[in-house]
């Protein structure tokens, strides 16, 4: 069985994630290919797409949001993701149990004794007037009936788990600051999510396996679970295993992959790339070592924006007074610093609509 070292895995990941070469692809197709983009910070997906697409225009994503072809919704890992409307409608029922379980894991004591079916029906009745609401507005509308849990527990259970909801524009539009206003799938997309599959079948799970490997493979089953948050996928993996190839990493873990998916030569040059906060190229794995050193693993969950140098996290970046400011995590070679500065100037121009290209690359840590 072929063994892939960390560098080979990293290059495969970069190729699947469109980070080796920017792609000439429509934004909608790219969001679908990536299996969505984590979007709890509304402006971050724009940087993620800029780093992956040649000539990316932010208005293209904004138009997809207002045109109801891409939506912001709670999905994988109970986090807000930007996904195609088609995927949201298809995938949401497969995530329902996980979403409920994760909200209960946070608010089990507050929600003890609450009949969730009754709560869901009451929430749907409130939203039936077609008016979008914030989480707190929806919770307050039901507080007289369920005073004990408190608005946070009620609101999160309703919006993140019990009622498939979309976060409406203008939230998530380019250069727009707006609060969260929620509407049910039926109100925004015109129909309910697809019905659950018959018992004993898992077509959505099988699709998730294939789609994950296309965007993140080669990967272990634990990586798949870390990406989507779903525990019940072994049967789906088993169902499609005959379509897949089996590989191993240097530690002996079995990795699965699509036979024809790209696995570039480990020596393929990897350009500098600036990634947004919470990018799935890092969060989408249980074993994140193919992209980020264990000593820096915490950066991936604290919202740090990172810079890839030779395919690995080597710096963080922020925007300060219109300047892209880069802080290296290790000493960078002169050529790497020059490439970081060049890509940083391009990012600064993108973020300022071409009005500036200021970048500052700090000193390496001692």
Protein backbone atom coordinates (compact mmCIF):
# COMPACT_ATOMS: atom_id res chain seq x y z
CA UNK A 1 0.00 0.00 0.00
CA UNK A 2 1.40 3.39 -1.00
CA UNK A 3 2.63 5.57 1.87
CA UNK A 4 2.30 9.35 1.64
CA UNK A 5 4.56 11.51 3.76
CA UNK A 6 3.45 14.82 5.25
CA UNK A 7 4.73 16.82 2.30
CA UNK A 8 2.85 14.65 -0.21
CA UNK A 9 -0.32 14.97 1.85
CA UNK A 10 0.13 18.71 2.05
CA UNK A 11 0.53 19.09 -1.70
CA UNK A 12 -2.57 16.95 -2.30
CA UNK A 13 -4.53 19.14 0.10
CA UNK A 14 -3.37 22.33 -1.57
CA UNK A 15 -4.32 20.98 -4.99
CA UNK A 16 -7.83 19.96 -3.85
CA UNK A 17 -8.29 23.29 -2.08
CA UNK A 18 -7.25 25.30 -5.18
CA UNK A 19 -4.27 26.72 -3.30
CA UNK A 20 -1.53 25.45 -5.61
CA UNK A 21 -2.92 27.29 -8.62
CA UNK A 22 -5.75 29.78 -8.58
CA UNK A 23 -8.64 28.34 -10.52
CA UNK A 24 -10.63 29.81 -13.39
CA UNK A 25 -13.97 28.65 -12.02
CA UNK A 26 -17.35 30.22 -11.22
CA UNK A 27 -17.84 31.20 -7.60
CA UNK A 28 -20.90 28.95 -7.23
CA UNK A 29 -18.98 25.92 -8.50
CA UNK A 30 -16.09 26.72 -6.17
CA UNK A 31 -18.30 26.97 -3.09
CA UNK A 32 -19.80 23.61 -4.06
CA UNK A 33 -16.40 22.02 -4.70
CA UNK A 34 -15.09 23.14 -1.31
CA UNK A 35 -18.12 21.73 0.45
CA UNK A 36 -18.84 25.23 1.69
CA UNK A 37 -16.70 27.76 3.51
CA UNK A 38 -16.82 28.35 7.24
CA UNK A 39 -18.38 31.77 7.60
CA UNK A 40 -18.97 32.66 11.23
CA UNK A 41 -16.96 35.81 10.47
CA UNK A 42 -19.00 37.23 7.58
CA UNK A 43 -16.21 38.85 5.55
CA UNK A 44 -13.69 36.00 5.76
CA UNK A 45 -15.03 33.89 2.85
CA UNK A 46 -14.16 36.70 0.46
CA UNK A 47 -10.46 36.33 1.31
CA UNK A 48 -10.76 32.55 1.09
CA UNK A 49 -12.16 32.79 -2.43
CA UNK A 50 -9.68 35.50 -3.48
CA UNK A 51 -6.83 33.16 -2.55
CA UNK A 52 -8.35 30.36 -4.62
CA UNK A 53 -9.83 32.01 -7.72
CA UNK A 54 -8.17 34.00 -10.47
CA UNK A 55 -9.80 37.38 -10.92
CA UNK A 56 -12.28 36.89 -8.08
CA UNK A 57 -14.85 39.69 -7.86
CA UNK A 58 -16.48 40.07 -4.43
CA UNK A 59 -19.75 41.19 -5.96
CA UNK A 60 -20.10 37.73 -7.55
CA UNK A 61 -20.45 36.17 -4.10
CA UNK A 62 -22.74 38.94 -2.87
CA UNK A 63 -24.97 38.43 -5.90
CA UNK A 64 -25.20 34.70 -5.17
CA UNK A 65 -26.31 35.47 -1.61
CA UNK A 66 -28.97 37.97 -2.63
CA UNK A 67 -29.98 35.69 -5.51
CA UNK A 68 -30.58 32.84 -3.02
CA UNK A 69 -28.16 30.45 -4.72
CA UNK A 70 -25.71 30.51 -1.80
CA UNK A 71 -26.81 30.69 1.83
CA UNK A 72 -25.37 31.16 5.30
CA UNK A 73 -26.62 28.49 7.67
CA UNK A 74 -25.63 26.32 10.63
CA UNK A 75 -24.35 23.04 9.26
CA UNK A 76 -21.00 21.26 9.63
CA UNK A 77 -19.77 21.15 13.23
CA UNK A 78 -22.73 23.40 14.19
CA UNK A 79 -20.82 26.36 12.78
CA UNK A 80 -22.12 28.87 10.26
CA UNK A 81 -21.13 27.84 6.77
CA UNK A 82 -21.54 29.40 3.37
CA UNK A 83 -22.93 26.65 1.15
CA UNK A 84 -24.87 26.39 -2.07
CA UNK A 85 -28.63 26.40 -1.63
CA UNK A 86 -28.74 22.98 -3.27
CA UNK A 87 -26.31 21.52 -0.72
CA UNK A 88 -28.11 23.18 2.18
CA UNK A 89 -31.42 21.63 1.18
CA UNK A 90 -29.87 18.22 0.59
CA UNK A 91 -27.46 18.03 3.52
CA UNK A 92 -29.43 19.62 6.34
CA UNK A 93 -31.56 16.57 7.35
CA UNK A 94 -28.40 14.45 7.67
CA UNK A 95 -27.03 17.03 10.15
CA UNK A 96 -30.19 17.47 12.25
CA UNK A 97 -29.35 14.98 15.00
CA UNK A 98 -25.78 16.28 15.29
CA UNK A 99 -26.99 19.89 15.54
CA UNK A 100 -29.47 19.04 18.29
CA UNK A 101 -26.89 17.01 20.15
CA UNK A 102 -24.29 19.78 20.05
CA UNK A 103 -26.70 22.45 21.27
CA UNK A 104 -27.86 20.11 24.05
CA UNK A 105 -24.23 19.52 24.92
CA UNK A 106 -23.96 23.22 25.69
CA UNK A 107 -27.40 23.84 27.23
CA UNK A 108 -28.48 20.44 28.58
CA UNK A 109 -29.24 21.77 32.05
CA UNK A 110 -31.14 24.82 30.78
CA UNK A 111 -33.22 22.74 28.36
CA UNK A 112 -33.93 19.85 30.71
CA UNK A 113 -37.61 18.96 30.55
CA UNK A 114 -38.29 20.98 27.39
CA UNK A 115 -40.14 18.99 24.74
CA UNK A 116 -38.07 19.81 21.65
CA UNK A 117 -40.82 18.81 19.20
CA UNK A 118 -43.21 21.16 20.97
CA UNK A 119 -40.58 23.92 21.01
CA UNK A 120 -39.94 23.48 17.29
CA UNK A 121 -43.66 23.67 16.48
CA UNK A 122 -44.02 26.84 18.54
CA UNK A 123 -41.01 28.39 16.83
CA UNK A 124 -42.36 27.57 13.39
CA UNK A 125 -45.68 29.15 14.35
CA UNK A 126 -43.94 32.38 15.32
CA UNK A 127 -41.96 32.44 12.06
CA UNK A 128 -45.02 31.64 9.95
CA UNK A 129 -45.75 35.34 9.45
CA UNK A 130 -42.75 35.52 7.10
CA UNK A 131 -40.87 38.13 9.12
CA UNK A 132 -37.16 37.46 9.64
CA UNK A 133 -36.06 37.56 13.26
CA UNK A 134 -32.90 37.59 15.28
CA UNK A 135 -32.24 34.68 17.59
CA UNK A 136 -33.09 36.77 20.64
CA UNK A 137 -36.33 38.07 19.10
CA UNK A 138 -37.48 34.54 18.40
CA UNK A 139 -36.56 33.41 21.90
CA UNK A 140 -38.36 36.36 23.51
CA UNK A 141 -41.51 35.50 21.58
CA UNK A 142 -41.56 32.14 23.36
CA UNK A 143 -40.18 33.19 26.74
CA UNK A 144 -43.60 33.33 28.44
CA UNK A 145 -44.18 29.69 27.54
CA UNK A 146 -40.63 28.55 28.40
CA UNK A 147 -39.27 31.04 30.96
CA UNK A 148 -36.70 28.74 32.59
CA UNK A 149 -34.14 28.02 29.84
CA UNK A 150 -33.41 31.68 29.10
CA UNK A 151 -33.24 33.36 25.68
CA UNK A 152 -29.77 32.12 24.72
CA UNK A 153 -30.57 28.43 25.14
CA UNK A 154 -33.99 28.74 23.52
CA UNK A 155 -32.68 30.82 20.64
CA UNK A 156 -29.72 28.62 19.79
CA UNK A 157 -31.78 25.45 19.93
CA UNK A 158 -34.38 26.93 17.62
CA UNK A 159 -32.11 28.68 15.12
CA UNK A 160 -29.14 26.31 15.05
CA UNK A 161 -30.90 22.98 15.42
CA UNK A 162 -34.68 22.67 15.37
CA UNK A 163 -35.71 24.89 12.46
CA UNK A 164 -33.58 24.95 9.29
CA UNK A 165 -32.73 28.65 9.05
CA UNK A 166 -30.85 30.94 6.70
CA UNK A 167 -29.03 34.08 7.82
CA UNK A 168 -30.38 36.68 5.43
CA UNK A 169 -28.49 39.35 3.53
CA UNK A 170 -27.25 42.01 4.03
CA UNK A 171 -25.25 39.92 6.52
CA UNK A 172 -22.40 38.35 4.63
CA UNK A 173 -22.36 40.82 1.73
CA UNK A 174 -19.10 42.44 0.69
CA UNK A 175 -18.07 45.34 2.94
CA UNK A 176 -21.38 45.21 4.78
CA UNK A 177 -21.88 45.11 8.53
CA UNK A 178 -25.25 43.74 9.54
CA UNK A 179 -26.76 41.77 12.37
CA UNK A 180 -28.15 38.27 12.02
CA UNK A 181 -31.72 38.02 10.77
CA UNK A 182 -33.00 34.49 10.34
CA UNK A 183 -35.66 33.06 8.05
CA UNK A 184 -36.73 29.43 7.57
CA UNK A 185 -35.57 27.60 4.47
CA UNK A 186 -39.19 27.57 3.30
CA UNK A 187 -39.41 31.36 3.35
CA UNK A 188 -36.06 32.05 1.66
CA UNK A 189 -35.55 29.04 -0.59
CA UNK A 190 -39.17 28.20 -1.26
CA UNK A 191 -39.20 24.67 0.13
CA UNK A 192 -38.30 22.50 3.05
CA UNK A 193 -35.05 20.53 3.09
CA UNK A 194 -35.09 17.20 1.31
CA UNK A 195 -36.84 14.42 3.24
CA UNK A 196 -34.67 12.06 5.29
CA UNK A 197 -33.53 8.89 3.57
CA UNK A 198 -35.36 5.61 4.27
CA UNK A 199 -34.00 3.59 7.20
CA UNK A 200 -30.97 1.54 6.32
CA UNK A 201 -29.86 3.90 3.54
CA UNK A 202 -27.60 6.93 3.64
CA UNK A 203 -27.27 8.51 0.19
CA UNK A 204 -26.37 11.91 1.65
CA UNK A 205 -23.69 10.34 3.81
CA UNK A 206 -22.21 8.65 0.76
CA UNK A 207 -22.25 11.96 -1.09
CA UNK A 208 -20.52 13.66 1.83
CA UNK A 209 -17.75 11.05 1.73
CA UNK A 210 -17.13 11.58 -1.98
CA UNK A 211 -17.37 15.37 -1.77
CA UNK A 212 -15.07 15.53 1.23
CA UNK A 213 -12.39 13.46 -0.44
CA UNK A 214 -12.64 15.56 -3.61
CA UNK A 215 -11.88 18.72 -1.61
CA UNK A 216 -9.78 17.41 1.31
CA UNK A 217 -8.42 13.96 0.47
CA UNK A 218 -6.56 11.75 0.93
CA UNK A 219 -8.00 11.52 4.42
CA UNK A 220 -8.85 9.19 7.27
CA UNK A 221 -12.37 8.55 8.53
CA UNK A 222 -11.48 10.62 11.62
CA UNK A 223 -10.73 13.58 9.34
CA UNK A 224 -14.11 13.25 7.65
CA UNK A 225 -15.82 13.26 11.02
CA UNK A 226 -13.84 16.30 12.15
CA UNK A 227 -14.99 18.21 9.07
CA UNK A 228 -18.71 17.50 9.21
CA UNK A 229 -19.20 16.62 12.87
CA UNK A 230 -21.24 13.53 12.02
CA UNK A 231 -20.60 10.36 13.97
CA UNK A 232 -22.68 7.94 11.93
CA UNK A 233 -20.72 7.71 8.67
CA UNK A 234 -18.94 4.33 8.90
CA UNK A 235 -21.73 2.69 6.90
CA UNK A 236 -21.48 5.38 4.22
CA UNK A 237 -17.71 4.92 4.04
CA UNK A 238 -18.20 1.17 3.75
CA UNK A 239 -20.79 1.62 1.00
CA UNK A 240 -18.44 3.62 -1.23
CA UNK A 241 -15.18 1.91 -0.27
CA UNK A 242 -15.20 -0.08 -3.49
CA UNK A 243 -14.94 3.20 -5.42
CA UNK A 244 -11.91 4.38 -3.44
CA UNK A 245 -8.21 3.70 -3.18
CA UNK A 246 -6.53 3.00 0.16
CA UNK A 247 -3.25 4.66 1.12
CA UNK A 248 -1.31 5.15 4.35
CA UNK A 249 0.39 8.02 6.07
CA UNK A 250 3.78 7.78 7.77
CA UNK A 251 2.14 6.78 11.06
CA UNK A 252 0.32 3.87 9.46
CA UNK A 253 -3.16 5.40 9.39
CA UNK A 254 -5.36 4.28 6.54
CA UNK A 255 -6.23 7.10 4.18
CA UNK A 256 -9.01 6.88 1.60
CA UNK A 257 -9.15 8.77 -1.66
CA UNK A 258 -10.84 9.07 -5.02
CA UNK A 259 -8.80 7.17 -7.63
CA UNK A 260 -8.41 10.01 -10.12
CA UNK A 261 -8.05 12.89 -7.63
CA UNK A 262 -4.84 14.94 -7.88
CA UNK A 263 -1.88 13.85 -5.77
CA UNK A 264 0.94 16.11 -6.99
CA UNK A 265 4.62 15.40 -6.70
CA UNK A 266 5.73 16.41 -3.19
CA UNK A 267 8.31 18.75 -4.74
CA UNK A 268 5.67 20.76 -6.60
CA UNK A 269 6.25 24.44 -5.72
CA UNK A 270 3.60 25.85 -3.40
CA UNK A 271 3.02 29.60 -3.66
CA UNK A 272 2.43 31.88 -0.69
CA UNK A 273 -1.25 32.07 0.19
CA UNK A 274 -3.08 34.26 2.71
CA UNK A 275 -5.93 32.43 4.44
CA UNK A 276 -8.89 33.89 6.31
CA UNK A 277 -9.91 33.12 9.87
CA UNK A 278 -11.27 29.60 10.44
CA UNK A 279 -10.43 28.36 6.94
CA UNK A 280 -11.52 24.76 6.48
CA UNK A 281 -8.19 23.83 4.91
CA UNK A 282 -7.01 23.67 8.53
CA UNK A 283 -10.20 23.00 10.49
CA UNK A 284 -11.41 20.29 8.11
CA UNK A 285 -9.10 17.61 9.55
CA UNK A 286 -8.65 15.71 12.77
CA UNK A 287 -4.94 15.54 11.94
CA UNK A 288 -4.04 19.10 11.00
CA UNK A 289 -0.30 18.45 10.87
CA UNK A 290 -0.29 18.34 7.06
CA UNK A 291 -0.81 22.13 7.09
CA UNK A 292 0.08 23.45 10.55
CA UNK A 293 2.66 22.45 13.15
CA UNK A 294 1.24 21.13 16.40
CA UNK A 295 2.84 23.96 18.34
CA UNK A 296 0.70 26.43 16.36
CA UNK A 297 -2.47 24.32 16.26
CA UNK A 298 -4.27 26.70 18.62
CA UNK A 299 -4.17 29.44 15.99
CA UNK A 300 -6.71 27.52 13.94
CA UNK A 301 -9.41 27.79 16.61
CA UNK A 302 -8.76 31.32 17.87
CA UNK A 303 -9.59 33.07 14.62
CA UNK A 304 -6.04 33.90 13.56
CA UNK A 305 -5.56 34.61 9.87
CA UNK A 306 -2.55 32.71 8.60
CA UNK A 307 -0.05 32.73 5.76
CA UNK A 308 1.07 29.58 4.00
CA UNK A 309 4.72 29.45 2.94
CA UNK A 310 5.79 26.32 1.06
CA UNK A 311 2.39 24.88 1.91
CA UNK A 312 2.54 25.29 5.69
CA UNK A 313 1.40 27.89 8.19
CA UNK A 314 4.39 30.19 8.66
CA UNK A 315 2.92 33.53 9.73
CA UNK A 316 -0.22 35.34 10.84
CA UNK A 317 -1.66 38.49 9.33
CA UNK A 318 -3.99 41.35 10.21
CA UNK A 319 -5.04 44.61 8.58
CA UNK A 320 -3.99 47.71 10.52
CA UNK A 321 -4.81 51.18 9.20
CA UNK A 322 -5.06 49.86 5.66
CA UNK A 323 -1.78 47.95 5.87
CA UNK A 324 -1.54 44.17 5.68
CA UNK A 325 0.72 43.39 8.63
CA UNK A 326 2.42 39.98 8.67
CA UNK A 327 3.96 38.39 11.77
CA UNK A 328 6.23 35.43 10.97
CA UNK A 329 6.07 32.37 13.22
CA UNK A 330 9.55 31.29 12.16
CA UNK A 331 12.51 32.69 10.29
CA UNK A 332 11.71 33.14 6.60
CA UNK A 333 14.25 32.90 3.83
CA UNK A 334 14.83 36.12 1.90
CA UNK A 335 13.00 34.79 -1.16
CA UNK A 336 10.05 33.71 1.00
CA UNK A 337 9.84 37.14 2.66
CA UNK A 338 9.80 38.74 -0.78
CA UNK A 339 7.00 36.44 -1.94
CA UNK A 340 5.01 37.10 1.25
CA UNK A 341 5.38 40.83 0.69
CA UNK A 342 4.30 40.53 -2.96
CA UNK A 343 1.20 38.47 -2.14
CA UNK A 344 0.46 40.78 0.79
CA UNK A 345 0.47 43.78 -1.54
CA UNK A 346 -1.97 42.01 -3.83
CA UNK A 347 -4.21 41.25 -0.86
CA UNK A 348 -4.05 44.86 0.33
CA UNK A 349 -5.09 46.02 -3.13
CA UNK A 350 -7.99 43.55 -3.14
CA UNK A 351 -9.21 44.65 0.28
CA UNK A 352 -8.99 48.33 -0.67
CA UNK A 353 -10.46 48.02 -4.18
CA UNK A 354 -7.08 48.96 -5.59
CA UNK A 355 -6.64 52.08 -3.46
CA UNK A 356 -3.58 50.80 -1.59
CA UNK A 357 -0.98 48.06 -1.51
CA UNK A 358 0.78 48.62 1.79
CA UNK A 359 2.27 45.58 3.49
CA UNK A 360 4.58 45.16 6.43
CA UNK A 361 6.43 41.92 7.17
CA UNK A 362 7.68 41.82 10.74
CA UNK A 363 10.76 40.22 12.20
CA UNK A 364 10.93 36.52 12.91
CA UNK A 365 10.65 35.40 16.54
CA UNK A 366 13.96 34.97 18.35
